[in-house]
Amino acid sequence: MKLFSTKTGNLIGQFRRGTLQAEIQSISFSPSSELIAISSSKGTIHVFPIKRLHGSGSEIRSEIKTTCSNLISPILCFSSDNVLFAASSYGIVSTFSINESTKSINLIDSESFADCISLQ
């Protein structure tokens, strides 16, 4: 995936999530715009540090990733720079914590949509 500047249109850099071709399902920027999370049709979530890009043509590979077999094509949304939500069309919402220093993404919680809502 390539990232371009919205001000200049110049290429900022490229992200590589893996070696096998996959369809990107969702992209989310962290509130500080320092991280980008990408979900793919391979059932993976990859998190990239944008600050590591050093200009046009720079390329980084995913070092922070997880496979989520219970989330098919999840939609991603950051709630903070280190907490990421993933919502599946099958009714599952998962919460992940992201730690850049250890290059890890860990599942905090996973529940069905029905458990998240209440009717009044």
PDB file of N, CA and C in Angstrom:
ATOM      1  N   MET A   1       0.842  -1.156   0.000  1.00  0.00           N
ATOM      2  CA  MET A   1       0.000   0.000   0.000  1.00  0.00           C
ATOM      3  C   MET A   1       0.895   1.229   0.000  1.00  0.00           C
ATOM      4  N   LYS A   2       0.498   2.251  -0.741  1.00  0.00           N
ATOM      5  CA  LYS A   2       1.262   3.491  -0.809  1.00  0.00           C
ATOM      6  C   LYS A   2       0.518   4.591  -0.061  1.00  0.00           C
ATOM      7  N   LEU A   3       1.283   5.462   0.592  1.00  0.00           N
ATOM      8  CA  LEU A   3       0.726   6.585   1.330  1.00  0.00           C
ATOM      9  C   LEU A   3       1.224   7.878   0.689  1.00  0.00           C
ATOM     10  N   PHE A   4       0.271   8.772   0.353  1.00  0.00           N
ATOM     11  CA  PHE A   4       0.594  10.029  -0.301  1.00  0.00           C
ATOM     12  C   PHE A   4       0.228  11.204   0.598  1.00  0.00           C
ATOM     13  N   SER A   5       0.944  12.303   0.467  1.00  0.00           N
ATOM     14  CA  SER A   5       0.640  13.534   1.184  1.00  0.00           C
ATOM     15  C   SER A   5      -0.619  14.160   0.600  1.00  0.00           C
ATOM     16  N   THR A   6      -1.554  14.565   1.463  1.00  0.00           N
ATOM     17  CA  THR A   6      -2.762  15.225   0.976  1.00  0.00           C
ATOM     18  C   THR A   6      -2.474  16.670   0.580  1.00  0.00           C
ATOM     19  N   LYS A   7      -1.386  17.241   1.081  1.00  0.00           N
ATOM     20  CA  LYS A   7      -1.032  18.626   0.740  1.00  0.00           C
ATOM     21  C   LYS A   7      -0.314  18.728  -0.597  1.00  0.00           C
ATOM     22  N   THR A   8       0.654  17.826  -0.842  1.00  0.00           N
ATOM     23  CA  THR A   8       1.489  17.937  -2.043  1.00  0.00           C
ATOM     24  C   THR A   8       1.187  16.885  -3.094  1.00  0.00           C
ATOM     25  N   GLY A   9       0.579  15.771  -2.683  1.00  0.00           N
ATOM     26  CA  GLY A   9       0.356  14.658  -3.603  1.00  0.00           C
ATOM     27  C   GLY A   9       1.574  13.776  -3.759  1.00  0.00           C
ATOM     28  N   ASN A  10       2.667  14.120  -3.062  1.00  0.00           N
ATOM     29  CA  ASN A  10       3.904  13.340  -3.150  1.00  0.00           C
ATOM     30  C   ASN A  10       3.794  12.029  -2.380  1.00  0.00           C
ATOM     31  N   LEU A  11       4.487  11.014  -2.866  1.00  0.00           N
ATOM     32  CA  LEU A  11       4.550   9.727  -2.186  1.00  0.00           C
ATOM     33  C   LEU A  11       5.330   9.876  -0.885  1.00  0.00           C
ATOM     34  N   ILE A  12       4.718   9.499   0.236  1.00  0.00           N
ATOM     35  CA  ILE A  12       5.392   9.531   1.534  1.00  0.00           C
ATOM     36  C   ILE A  12       6.160   8.236   1.736  1.00  0.00           C
ATOM     37  N   GLY A  13       5.556   7.119   1.366  1.00  0.00           N
ATOM     38  CA  GLY A  13       6.209   5.829   1.523  1.00  0.00           C
ATOM     39  C   GLY A  13       5.268   4.691   1.201  1.00  0.00           C
ATOM     40  N   GLN A  14       5.784   3.444   1.384  1.00  0.00           N
ATOM     41  CA  GLN A  14       5.003   2.253   1.065  1.00  0.00           C
ATOM     42  C   GLN A  14       5.020   1.293   2.239  1.00  0.00           C
ATOM     43  N   PHE A  15       3.907   0.609   2.415  1.00  0.00           N
ATOM     44  CA  PHE A  15       3.780  -0.416   3.450  1.00  0.00           C
ATOM     45  C   PHE A  15       3.653  -1.773   2.775  1.00  0.00           C
ATOM     46  N   ARG A  16       4.345  -2.770   3.306  1.00  0.00           N
ATOM     47  CA  ARG A  16       4.244  -4.148   2.809  1.00  0.00           C
ATOM     48  C   ARG A  16       3.753  -5.020   3.950  1.00  0.00           C
ATOM     49  N   ARG A  17       2.603  -5.666   3.749  1.00  0.00           N
ATOM     50  CA  ARG A  17       2.020  -6.479   4.811  1.00  0.00           C
ATOM     51  C   ARG A  17       2.384  -7.943   4.722  1.00  0.00           C
ATOM     52  N   GLY A  18       2.773  -8.428   3.585  1.00  0.00           N
ATOM     53  CA  GLY A  18       3.093  -9.836   3.454  1.00  0.00           C
ATOM     54  C   GLY A  18       3.558 -10.151   2.059  1.00  0.00           C
ATOM     55  N   THR A  19       3.780 -11.437   1.791  1.00  0.00           N
ATOM     56  CA  THR A  19       4.267 -11.827   0.468  1.00  0.00           C
ATOM     57  C   THR A  19       3.142 -12.312  -0.444  1.00  0.00           C
ATOM     58  N   LEU A  20       2.043 -12.790   0.156  1.00  0.00           N
ATOM     59  CA  LEU A  20       0.906 -13.263  -0.636  1.00  0.00           C
ATOM     60  C   LEU A  20      -0.065 -12.112  -0.890  1.00  0.00           C
ATOM     61  N   GLN A  21      -0.618 -12.073  -2.083  1.00  0.00           N
ATOM     62  CA  GLN A  21      -1.561 -11.026  -2.433  1.00  0.00           C
ATOM     63  C   GLN A  21      -2.821 -11.152  -1.589  1.00  0.00           C
ATOM     64  N   ALA A  22      -3.321 -10.009  -1.122  1.00  0.00           N
ATOM     65  CA  ALA A  22      -4.549  -9.990  -0.333  1.00  0.00           C
ATOM     66  C   ALA A  22      -5.280  -8.686  -0.602  1.00  0.00           C
ATOM     67  N   GLU A  23      -6.577  -8.715  -0.376  1.00  0.00           N
ATOM     68  CA  GLU A  23      -7.392  -7.515  -0.538  1.00  0.00           C
ATOM     69  C   GLU A  23      -7.424  -6.766   0.791  1.00  0.00           C
ATOM     70  N   ILE A  24      -7.177  -5.458   0.748  1.00  0.00           N
ATOM     71  CA  ILE A  24      -7.253  -4.636   1.948  1.00  0.00           C
ATOM     72  C   ILE A  24      -8.729  -4.415   2.272  1.00  0.00           C
ATOM     73  N   GLN A  25      -9.115  -4.704   3.519  1.00  0.00           N
ATOM     74  CA  GLN A  25     -10.512  -4.593   3.934  1.00  0.00           C
ATOM     75  C   GLN A  25     -10.797  -3.268   4.640  1.00  0.00           C
ATOM     76  N   SER A  26      -9.831  -2.788   5.451  1.00  0.00           N
ATOM     77  CA  SER A  26     -10.050  -1.582   6.234  1.00  0.00           C
ATOM     78  C   SER A  26      -8.711  -0.932   6.552  1.00  0.00           C
ATOM     79  N   ILE A  27      -8.729   0.395   6.651  1.00  0.00           N
ATOM     80  CA  ILE A  27      -7.547   1.177   7.020  1.00  0.00           C
ATOM     81  C   ILE A  27      -7.974   2.172   8.083  1.00  0.00           C
ATOM     82  N   SER A  28      -7.164   2.320   9.142  1.00  0.00           N
ATOM     83  CA  SER A  28      -7.463   3.293  10.180  1.00  0.00           C
ATOM     84  C   SER A  28      -6.181   3.967  10.644  1.00  0.00           C
ATOM     85  N   PHE A  29      -6.237   5.291  10.803  1.00  0.00           N
ATOM     86  CA  PHE A  29      -5.117   6.055  11.341  1.00  0.00           C
ATOM     87  C   PHE A  29      -5.342   6.278  12.827  1.00  0.00           C
ATOM     88  N   SER A  30      -4.262   6.211  13.614  1.00  0.00           N
ATOM     89  CA  SER A  30      -4.360   6.506  15.037  1.00  0.00           C
ATOM     90  C   SER A  30      -4.660   7.996  15.215  1.00  0.00           C
ATOM     91  N   PRO A  31      -5.187   8.400  16.384  1.00  0.00           N
ATOM     92  CA  PRO A  31      -5.518   9.814  16.603  1.00  0.00           C
ATOM     93  C   PRO A  31      -4.337  10.769  16.372  1.00  0.00           C
ATOM     94  N   SER A  32      -3.123  10.332  16.670  1.00  0.00           N
ATOM     95  CA  SER A  32      -1.940  11.183  16.473  1.00  0.00           C
ATOM     96  C   SER A  32      -1.388  11.081  15.056  1.00  0.00           C
ATOM     97  N   SER A  33      -1.970  10.197  14.246  1.00  0.00           N
ATOM     98  CA  SER A  33      -1.510   9.920  12.873  1.00  0.00           C
ATOM     99  C   SER A  33      -0.087   9.366  12.841  1.00  0.00           C
ATOM    100  N   GLU A  34       0.328   8.709  13.923  1.00  0.00           N
ATOM    101  CA  GLU A  34       1.650   8.087  13.958  1.00  0.00           C
ATOM    102  C   GLU A  34       1.600   6.607  13.594  1.00  0.00           C
ATOM    103  N   LEU A  35       0.404   6.013  13.661  1.00  0.00           N
ATOM    104  CA  LEU A  35       0.233   4.600  13.324  1.00  0.00           C
ATOM    105  C   LEU A  35      -0.872   4.461  12.289  1.00  0.00           C
ATOM    106  N   ILE A  36      -0.749   3.414  11.475  1.00  0.00           N
ATOM    107  CA  ILE A  36      -1.821   3.055  10.549  1.00  0.00           C
ATOM    108  C   ILE A  36      -2.067   1.553  10.720  1.00  0.00           C
ATOM    109  N   ALA A  37      -3.337   1.173  10.823  1.00  0.00           N
ATOM    110  CA  ALA A  37      -3.714  -0.237  10.953  1.00  0.00           C
ATOM    111  C   ALA A  37      -4.448  -0.650   9.687  1.00  0.00           C
ATOM    112  N   ILE A  38      -4.155  -1.861   9.224  1.00  0.00           N
ATOM    113  CA  ILE A  38      -4.737  -2.375   7.986  1.00  0.00           C
ATOM    114  C   ILE A  38      -5.226  -3.797   8.230  1.00  0.00           C
ATOM    115  N   SER A  39      -6.476  -4.087   7.829  1.00  0.00           N
ATOM    116  CA  SER A  39      -6.960  -5.472   7.881  1.00  0.00           C
ATOM    117  C   SER A  39      -7.031  -5.993   6.453  1.00  0.00           C
ATOM    118  N   SER A  40      -6.804  -7.292   6.308  1.00  0.00           N
ATOM    119  CA  SER A  40      -6.770  -7.880   4.969  1.00  0.00           C
ATOM    120  C   SER A  40      -7.715  -9.067   4.857  1.00  0.00           C
ATOM    121  N   SER A  41      -7.911  -9.502   3.632  1.00  0.00           N
ATOM    122  CA  SER A  41      -8.766 -10.657   3.362  1.00  0.00           C
ATOM    123  C   SER A  41      -8.118 -11.964   3.828  1.00  0.00           C
ATOM    124  N   LYS A  42      -6.871 -11.914   4.276  1.00  0.00           N
ATOM    125  CA  LYS A  42      -6.186 -13.102   4.800  1.00  0.00           C
ATOM    126  C   LYS A  42      -6.461 -13.309   6.286  1.00  0.00           C
ATOM    127  N   GLY A  43      -7.315 -12.433   6.878  1.00  0.00           N
ATOM    128  CA  GLY A  43      -7.649 -12.560   8.295  1.00  0.00           C
ATOM    129  C   GLY A  43      -6.575 -11.996   9.205  1.00  0.00           C
ATOM    130  N   THR A  44      -5.819 -11.026   8.715  1.00  0.00           N
ATOM    131  CA  THR A  44      -4.749 -10.439   9.516  1.00  0.00           C
ATOM    132  C   THR A  44      -4.988  -8.950   9.744  1.00  0.00           C
ATOM    133  N   ILE A  45      -4.415  -8.453  10.829  1.00  0.00           N
ATOM    134  CA  ILE A  45      -4.353  -7.024  11.106  1.00  0.00           C
ATOM    135  C   ILE A  45      -2.878  -6.669  11.224  1.00  0.00           C
ATOM    136  N   HIS A  46      -2.456  -5.660  10.479  1.00  0.00           N
ATOM    137  CA  HIS A  46      -1.076  -5.180  10.496  1.00  0.00           C
ATOM    138  C   HIS A  46      -1.071  -3.730  10.958  1.00  0.00           C
ATOM    139  N   VAL A  47      -0.123  -3.378  11.819  1.00  0.00           N
ATOM    140  CA  VAL A  47       0.015  -2.003  12.300  1.00  0.00           C
ATOM    141  C   VAL A  47       1.401  -1.508  11.916  1.00  0.00           C
ATOM    142  N   PHE A  48       1.437  -0.324  11.306  1.00  0.00           N
ATOM    143  CA  PHE A  48       2.690   0.254  10.822  1.00  0.00           C
ATOM    144  C   PHE A  48       2.931   1.613  11.484  1.00  0.00           C
ATOM    145  N   PRO A  49       4.172   1.910  11.873  1.00  0.00           N
ATOM    146  CA  PRO A  49       4.497   3.254  12.359  1.00  0.00           C
ATOM    147  C   PRO A  49       4.786   4.184  11.181  1.00  0.00           C
ATOM    148  N   ILE A  50       3.957   5.184  10.990  1.00  0.00           N
ATOM    149  CA  ILE A  50       4.121   6.120   9.882  1.00  0.00           C
ATOM    150  C   ILE A  50       5.402   6.922  10.044  1.00  0.00           C
ATOM    151  N   LYS A  51       5.787   7.221  11.281  1.00  0.00           N
ATOM    152  CA  LYS A  51       6.963   8.049  11.529  1.00  0.00           C
ATOM    153  C   LYS A  51       8.263   7.412  11.036  1.00  0.00           C
ATOM    154  N   ARG A  52       8.252   6.118  10.754  1.00  0.00           N
ATOM    155  CA  ARG A  52       9.464   5.456  10.246  1.00  0.00           C
ATOM    156  C   ARG A  52       9.674   5.677   8.759  1.00  0.00           C
ATOM    157  N   LEU A  53       8.678   6.219   8.084  1.00  0.00           N
ATOM    158  CA  LEU A  53       8.838   6.502   6.660  1.00  0.00           C
ATOM    159  C   LEU A  53       9.740   7.725   6.494  1.00  0.00           C
ATOM    160  N   HIS A  54      10.660   7.641   5.563  1.00  0.00           N
ATOM    161  CA  HIS A  54      11.646   8.710   5.395  1.00  0.00           C
ATOM    162  C   HIS A  54      11.562   9.359   4.028  1.00  0.00           C
ATOM    163  N   GLY A  55      10.365   9.550   3.513  1.00  0.00           N
ATOM    164  CA  GLY A  55      10.227  10.236   2.241  1.00  0.00           C
ATOM    165  C   GLY A  55       9.891   9.304   1.099  1.00  0.00           C
ATOM    166  N   SER A  56       9.865   9.854  -0.067  1.00  0.00           N
ATOM    167  CA  SER A  56       9.428   9.163  -1.267  1.00  0.00           C
ATOM    168  C   SER A  56      10.149   7.843  -1.486  1.00  0.00           C
ATOM    169  N   GLY A  57       9.367   6.797  -1.653  1.00  0.00           N
ATOM    170  CA  GLY A  57       9.924   5.496  -1.975  1.00  0.00           C
ATOM    171  C   GLY A  57      10.294   4.641  -0.778  1.00  0.00           C
ATOM    172  N   SER A  58      10.314   5.225   0.434  1.00  0.00           N
ATOM    173  CA  SER A  58      10.640   4.433   1.614  1.00  0.00           C
ATOM    174  C   SER A  58       9.637   3.294   1.757  1.00  0.00           C
ATOM    175  N   GLU A  59      10.104   2.162   2.215  1.00  0.00           N
ATOM    176  CA  GLU A  59       9.226   0.993   2.362  1.00  0.00           C
ATOM    177  C   GLU A  59       9.469   0.357   3.713  1.00  0.00           C
ATOM    178  N   ILE A  60       8.388   0.031   4.422  1.00  0.00           N
ATOM    179  CA  ILE A  60       8.524  -0.715   5.665  1.00  0.00           C
ATOM    180  C   ILE A  60       7.606  -1.925   5.616  1.00  0.00           C
ATOM    181  N   ARG A  61       8.066  -2.976   6.262  1.00  0.00           N
ATOM    182  CA  ARG A  61       7.289  -4.203   6.379  1.00  0.00           C
ATOM    183  C   ARG A  61       6.615  -4.237   7.741  1.00  0.00           C
ATOM    184  N   SER A  62       5.532  -4.948   7.809  1.00  0.00           N
ATOM    185  CA  SER A  62       4.773  -5.057   9.050  1.00  0.00           C
ATOM    186  C   SER A  62       5.575  -5.817  10.096  1.00  0.00           C
ATOM    187  N   GLU A  63       5.784  -5.179  11.250  1.00  0.00           N
ATOM    188  CA  GLU A  63       6.419  -5.850  12.383  1.00  0.00           C
ATOM    189  C   GLU A  63       5.419  -6.094  13.502  1.00  0.00           C
ATOM    190  N   ILE A  64       4.289  -5.395  13.448  1.00  0.00           N
ATOM    191  CA  ILE A  64       3.236  -5.559  14.446  1.00  0.00           C
ATOM    192  C   ILE A  64       2.029  -6.144  13.722  1.00  0.00           C
ATOM    193  N   LYS A  65       1.732  -7.410  14.005  1.00  0.00           N
ATOM    194  CA  LYS A  65       0.627  -8.055  13.290  1.00  0.00           C
ATOM    195  C   LYS A  65       0.005  -9.149  14.138  1.00  0.00           C
ATOM    196  N   THR A  66      -1.223  -9.474  13.783  1.00  0.00           N
ATOM    197  CA  THR A  66      -1.930 -10.569  14.435  1.00  0.00           C
ATOM    198  C   THR A  66      -2.886 -11.205  13.440  1.00  0.00           C
ATOM    199  N   THR A  67      -3.182 -12.462  13.664  1.00  0.00           N
ATOM    200  CA  THR A  67      -4.188 -13.168  12.876  1.00  0.00           C
ATOM    201  C   THR A  67      -5.433 -13.276  13.736  1.00  0.00           C
ATOM    202  N   CYS A  68      -6.562 -12.949  13.165  1.00  0.00           N
ATOM    203  CA  CYS A  68      -7.819 -12.988  13.913  1.00  0.00           C
ATOM    204  C   CYS A  68      -8.812 -13.867  13.173  1.00  0.00           C
ATOM    205  N   SER A  69      -8.802 -15.129  13.487  1.00  0.00           N
ATOM    206  CA  SER A  69      -9.631 -16.093  12.771  1.00  0.00           C
ATOM    207  C   SER A  69     -11.126 -15.881  13.014  1.00  0.00           C
ATOM    208  N   ASN A  70     -11.493 -15.286  14.158  1.00  0.00           N
ATOM    209  CA  ASN A  70     -12.922 -15.071  14.429  1.00  0.00           C
ATOM    210  C   ASN A  70     -13.432 -13.757  13.832  1.00  0.00           C
ATOM    211  N   LEU A  71     -12.539 -12.946  13.262  1.00  0.00           N
ATOM    212  CA  LEU A  71     -12.934 -11.689  12.630  1.00  0.00           C
ATOM    213  C   LEU A  71     -12.735 -11.806  11.127  1.00  0.00           C
ATOM    214  N   ILE A  72     -13.818 -11.915  10.396  1.00  0.00           N
ATOM    215  CA  ILE A  72     -13.731 -11.988   8.947  1.00  0.00           C
ATOM    216  C   ILE A  72     -13.901 -10.572   8.400  1.00  0.00           C
ATOM    217  N   SER A  73     -12.899 -10.090   7.672  1.00  0.00           N
ATOM    218  CA  SER A  73     -12.926  -8.753   7.059  1.00  0.00           C
ATOM    219  C   SER A  73     -13.318  -7.665   8.056  1.00  0.00           C
ATOM    220  N   PRO A  74     -12.583  -7.503   9.153  1.00  0.00           N
ATOM    221  CA  PRO A  74     -12.993  -6.520  10.161  1.00  0.00           C
ATOM    222  C   PRO A  74     -12.791  -5.073   9.705  1.00  0.00           C
ATOM    223  N   ILE A  75     -13.638  -4.212  10.213  1.00  0.00           N
ATOM    224  CA  ILE A  75     -13.510  -2.766  10.054  1.00  0.00           C
ATOM    225  C   ILE A  75     -12.748  -2.275  11.283  1.00  0.00           C
ATOM    226  N   LEU A  76     -11.723  -1.458  11.066  1.00  0.00           N
ATOM    227  CA  LEU A  76     -10.841  -1.024  12.146  1.00  0.00           C
ATOM    228  C   LEU A  76     -11.113   0.406  12.569  1.00  0.00           C
ATOM    229  N   CYS A  77     -10.865   0.694  13.860  1.00  0.00           N
ATOM    230  CA  CYS A  77     -11.000   2.046  14.394  1.00  0.00           C
ATOM    231  C   CYS A  77     -10.140   2.171  15.644  1.00  0.00           C
ATOM    232  N   PHE A  78      -9.238   3.151  15.658  1.00  0.00           N
ATOM    233  CA  PHE A  78      -8.451   3.430  16.859  1.00  0.00           C
ATOM    234  C   PHE A  78      -9.307   4.223  17.842  1.00  0.00           C
ATOM    235  N   SER A  79      -9.209   3.904  19.131  1.00  0.00           N
ATOM    236  CA  SER A  79      -9.833   4.746  20.158  1.00  0.00           C
ATOM    237  C   SER A  79      -8.773   5.607  20.835  1.00  0.00           C
ATOM    238  N   SER A  80      -7.516   5.173  20.750  1.00  0.00           N
ATOM    239  CA  SER A  80      -6.366   5.938  21.233  1.00  0.00           C
ATOM    240  C   SER A  80      -5.167   5.437  20.437  1.00  0.00           C
ATOM    241  N   ASP A  81      -3.990   5.983  20.714  1.00  0.00           N
ATOM    242  CA  ASP A  81      -2.814   5.563  19.950  1.00  0.00           C
ATOM    243  C   ASP A  81      -2.395   4.123  20.225  1.00  0.00           C
ATOM    244  N   ASN A  82      -2.896   3.533  21.307  1.00  0.00           N
ATOM    245  CA  ASN A  82      -2.509   2.149  21.585  1.00  0.00           C
ATOM    246  C   ASN A  82      -3.688   1.195  21.784  1.00  0.00           C
ATOM    247  N   VAL A  83      -4.898   1.632  21.436  1.00  0.00           N
ATOM    248  CA  VAL A  83      -6.071   0.751  21.514  1.00  0.00           C
ATOM    249  C   VAL A  83      -6.795   0.777  20.165  1.00  0.00           C
ATOM    250  N   LEU A  84      -7.010  -0.418  19.626  1.00  0.00           N
ATOM    251  CA  LEU A  84      -7.635  -0.576  18.315  1.00  0.00           C
ATOM    252  C   LEU A  84      -8.859  -1.475  18.440  1.00  0.00           C
ATOM    253  N   PHE A  85      -9.981  -1.036  17.838  1.00  0.00           N
ATOM    254  CA  PHE A  85     -11.187  -1.850  17.775  1.00  0.00           C
ATOM    255  C   PHE A  85     -11.288  -2.477  16.388  1.00  0.00           C
ATOM    256  N   ALA A  86     -11.792  -3.696  16.337  1.00  0.00           N
ATOM    257  CA  ALA A  86     -12.039  -4.392  15.078  1.00  0.00           C
ATOM    258  C   ALA A  86     -13.449  -4.965  15.136  1.00  0.00           C
ATOM    259  N   ALA A  87     -14.295  -4.565  14.190  1.00  0.00           N
ATOM    260  CA  ALA A  87     -15.684  -5.023  14.152  1.00  0.00           C
ATOM    261  C   ALA A  87     -15.909  -5.870  12.911  1.00  0.00           C
ATOM    262  N   SER A  88     -16.450  -7.059  13.096  1.00  0.00           N
ATOM    263  CA  SER A  88     -16.686  -7.996  12.004  1.00  0.00           C
ATOM    264  C   SER A  88     -18.146  -7.965  11.577  1.00  0.00           C
ATOM    265  N   SER A  89     -18.384  -8.236  10.314  1.00  0.00           N
ATOM    266  CA  SER A  89     -19.761  -8.304   9.811  1.00  0.00           C
ATOM    267  C   SER A  89     -20.508  -9.502  10.405  1.00  0.00           C
ATOM    268  N   TYR A  90     -19.795 -10.392  11.080  1.00  0.00           N
ATOM    269  CA  TYR A  90     -20.431 -11.541  11.729  1.00  0.00           C
ATOM    270  C   TYR A  90     -20.865 -11.233  13.154  1.00  0.00           C
ATOM    271  N   GLY A  91     -20.772  -9.933  13.552  1.00  0.00           N
ATOM    272  CA  GLY A  91     -21.287  -9.540  14.859  1.00  0.00           C
ATOM    273  C   GLY A  91     -20.296  -9.614  15.998  1.00  0.00           C
ATOM    274  N   ILE A  92     -19.011  -9.598  15.717  1.00  0.00           N
ATOM    275  CA  ILE A  92     -17.988  -9.663  16.768  1.00  0.00           C
ATOM    276  C   ILE A  92     -17.234  -8.328  16.821  1.00  0.00           C
ATOM    277  N   VAL A  93     -17.027  -7.806  18.043  1.00  0.00           N
ATOM    278  CA  VAL A  93     -16.197  -6.627  18.260  1.00  0.00           C
ATOM    279  C   VAL A  93     -15.030  -7.058  19.134  1.00  0.00           C
ATOM    280  N   SER A  94     -13.809  -6.803  18.656  1.00  0.00           N
ATOM    281  CA  SER A  94     -12.613  -7.151  19.427  1.00  0.00           C
ATOM    282  C   SER A  94     -11.825  -5.884  19.725  1.00  0.00           C
ATOM    283  N   THR A  95     -11.201  -5.872  20.894  1.00  0.00           N
ATOM    284  CA  THR A  95     -10.363  -4.756  21.315  1.00  0.00           C
ATOM    285  C   THR A  95      -8.937  -5.262  21.448  1.00  0.00           C
ATOM    286  N   PHE A  96      -8.001  -4.536  20.839  1.00  0.00           N
ATOM    287  CA  PHE A  96      -6.591  -4.908  20.864  1.00  0.00           C
ATOM    288  C   PHE A  96      -5.762  -3.792  21.486  1.00  0.00           C
ATOM    289  N   SER A  97      -4.724  -4.171  22.226  1.00  0.00           N
ATOM    290  CA  SER A  97      -3.750  -3.185  22.705  1.00  0.00           C
ATOM    291  C   SER A  97      -2.518  -3.297  21.815  1.00  0.00           C
ATOM    292  N   ILE A  98      -1.935  -2.150  21.496  1.00  0.00           N
ATOM    293  CA  ILE A  98      -0.768  -2.100  20.621  1.00  0.00           C
ATOM    294  C   ILE A  98       0.401  -1.550  21.414  1.00  0.00           C
ATOM    295  N   ASN A  99       1.529  -2.255  21.362  1.00  0.00           N
ATOM    296  CA  ASN A  99       2.743  -1.809  22.043  1.00  0.00           C
ATOM    297  C   ASN A  99       3.845  -1.709  21.000  1.00  0.00           C
ATOM    298  N   GLU A 100       4.211  -0.480  20.651  1.00  0.00           N
ATOM    299  CA  GLU A 100       5.237  -0.270  19.632  1.00  0.00           C
ATOM    300  C   GLU A 100       6.613  -0.738  20.091  1.00  0.00           C
ATOM    301  N   SER A 101       6.932  -0.556  21.361  1.00  0.00           N
ATOM    302  CA  SER A 101       8.276  -0.909  21.829  1.00  0.00           C
ATOM    303  C   SER A 101       8.526  -2.418  21.791  1.00  0.00           C
ATOM    304  N   THR A 102       7.485  -3.222  22.055  1.00  0.00           N
ATOM    305  CA  THR A 102       7.651  -4.682  21.992  1.00  0.00           C
ATOM    306  C   THR A 102       7.169  -5.245  20.655  1.00  0.00           C
ATOM    307  N   LYS A 103       6.676  -4.348  19.785  1.00  0.00           N
ATOM    308  CA  LYS A 103       6.153  -4.746  18.466  1.00  0.00           C
ATOM    309  C   LYS A 103       5.079  -5.828  18.599  1.00  0.00           C
ATOM    310  N   SER A 104       4.113  -5.551  19.487  1.00  0.00           N
ATOM    311  CA  SER A 104       3.082  -6.558  19.730  1.00  0.00           C
ATOM    312  C   SER A 104       1.686  -5.947  19.667  1.00  0.00           C
ATOM    313  N   ILE A 105       0.744  -6.798  19.312  1.00  0.00           N
ATOM    314  CA  ILE A 105      -0.679  -6.460  19.345  1.00  0.00           C
ATOM    315  C   ILE A 105      -1.363  -7.611  20.080  1.00  0.00           C
ATOM    316  N   ASN A 106      -2.080  -7.271  21.149  1.00  0.00           N
ATOM    317  CA  ASN A 106      -2.682  -8.294  21.997  1.00  0.00           C
ATOM    318  C   ASN A 106      -4.184  -8.094  22.115  1.00  0.00           C
ATOM    319  N   LEU A 107      -4.906  -9.200  22.068  1.00  0.00           N
ATOM    320  CA  LEU A 107      -6.351  -9.176  22.224  1.00  0.00           C
ATOM    321  C   LEU A 107      -6.685  -8.886  23.684  1.00  0.00           C
ATOM    322  N   ILE A 108      -7.468  -7.835  23.923  1.00  0.00           N
ATOM    323  CA  ILE A 108      -7.914  -7.491  25.272  1.00  0.00           C
ATOM    324  C   ILE A 108      -9.269  -8.111  25.554  1.00  0.00           C
ATOM    325  N   ASP A 109     -10.179  -7.981  24.564  1.00  0.00           N
ATOM    326  CA  ASP A 109     -11.546  -8.433  24.767  1.00  0.00           C
ATOM    327  C   ASP A 109     -12.190  -8.713  23.420  1.00  0.00           C
ATOM    328  N   SER A 110     -13.141  -9.616  23.410  1.00  0.00           N
ATOM    329  CA  SER A 110     -13.899  -9.921  22.201  1.00  0.00           C
ATOM    330  C   SER A 110     -15.309 -10.292  22.631  1.00  0.00           C
ATOM    331  N   GLU A 111     -16.300  -9.646  22.021  1.00  0.00           N
ATOM    332  CA  GLU A 111     -17.679  -9.931  22.370  1.00  0.00           C
ATOM    333  C   GLU A 111     -18.585  -9.720  21.166  1.00  0.00           C
ATOM    334  N   SER A 112     -19.792 -10.226  21.245  1.00  0.00           N
ATOM    335  CA  SER A 112     -20.737 -10.071  20.142  1.00  0.00           C
ATOM    336  C   SER A 112     -21.415  -8.708  20.246  1.00  0.00           C
ATOM    337  N   PHE A 113     -21.889  -8.195  19.105  1.00  0.00           N
ATOM    338  CA  PHE A 113     -22.601  -6.920  19.076  1.00  0.00           C
ATOM    339  C   PHE A 113     -23.762  -6.943  20.063  1.00  0.00           C
ATOM    340  N   ALA A 114     -24.454  -8.056  20.142  1.00  0.00           N
ATOM    341  CA  ALA A 114     -25.635  -8.157  21.000  1.00  0.00           C
ATOM    342  C   ALA A 114     -25.290  -7.907  22.465  1.00  0.00           C
ATOM    343  N   ASP A 115     -24.064  -8.265  22.877  1.00  0.00           N
ATOM    344  CA  ASP A 115     -23.652  -8.031  24.255  1.00  0.00           C
ATOM    345  C   ASP A 115     -23.255  -6.582  24.508  1.00  0.00           C
ATOM    346  N   CYS A 116     -23.051  -5.798  23.436  1.00  0.00           N
ATOM    347  CA  CYS A 116     -22.580  -4.405  23.557  1.00  0.00           C
ATOM    348  C   CYS A 116     -23.712  -3.398  23.604  1.00  0.00           C
ATOM    349  N   ILE A 117     -24.933  -3.816  23.276  1.00  0.00           N
ATOM    350  CA  ILE A 117     -26.022  -2.849  23.196  1.00  0.00           C
ATOM    351  C   ILE A 117     -27.075  -3.155  24.265  1.00  0.00           C
ATOM    352  N   SER A 118     -27.818  -2.144  24.604  1.00  0.00           N
ATOM    353  CA  SER A 118     -28.946  -2.355  25.498  1.00  0.00           C
ATOM    354  C   SER A 118     -30.128  -1.553  24.973  1.00  0.00           C
ATOM    355  N   LEU A 119     -31.283  -2.116  25.061  1.00  0.00           N
ATOM    356  CA  LEU A 119     -32.505  -1.452  24.605  1.00  0.00           C
ATOM    357  C   LEU A 119     -33.219  -0.852  25.801  1.00  0.00           C
ATOM    358  N   GLN A 120     -33.714   0.358  25.611  1.00  0.00           N
ATOM    359  CA  GLN A 120     -34.423   1.015  26.722  1.00  0.00           C
ATOM    360  C   GLN A 120     -35.811   1.392  26.294  1.00  0.00           C
TER     361      GLN A 120
END
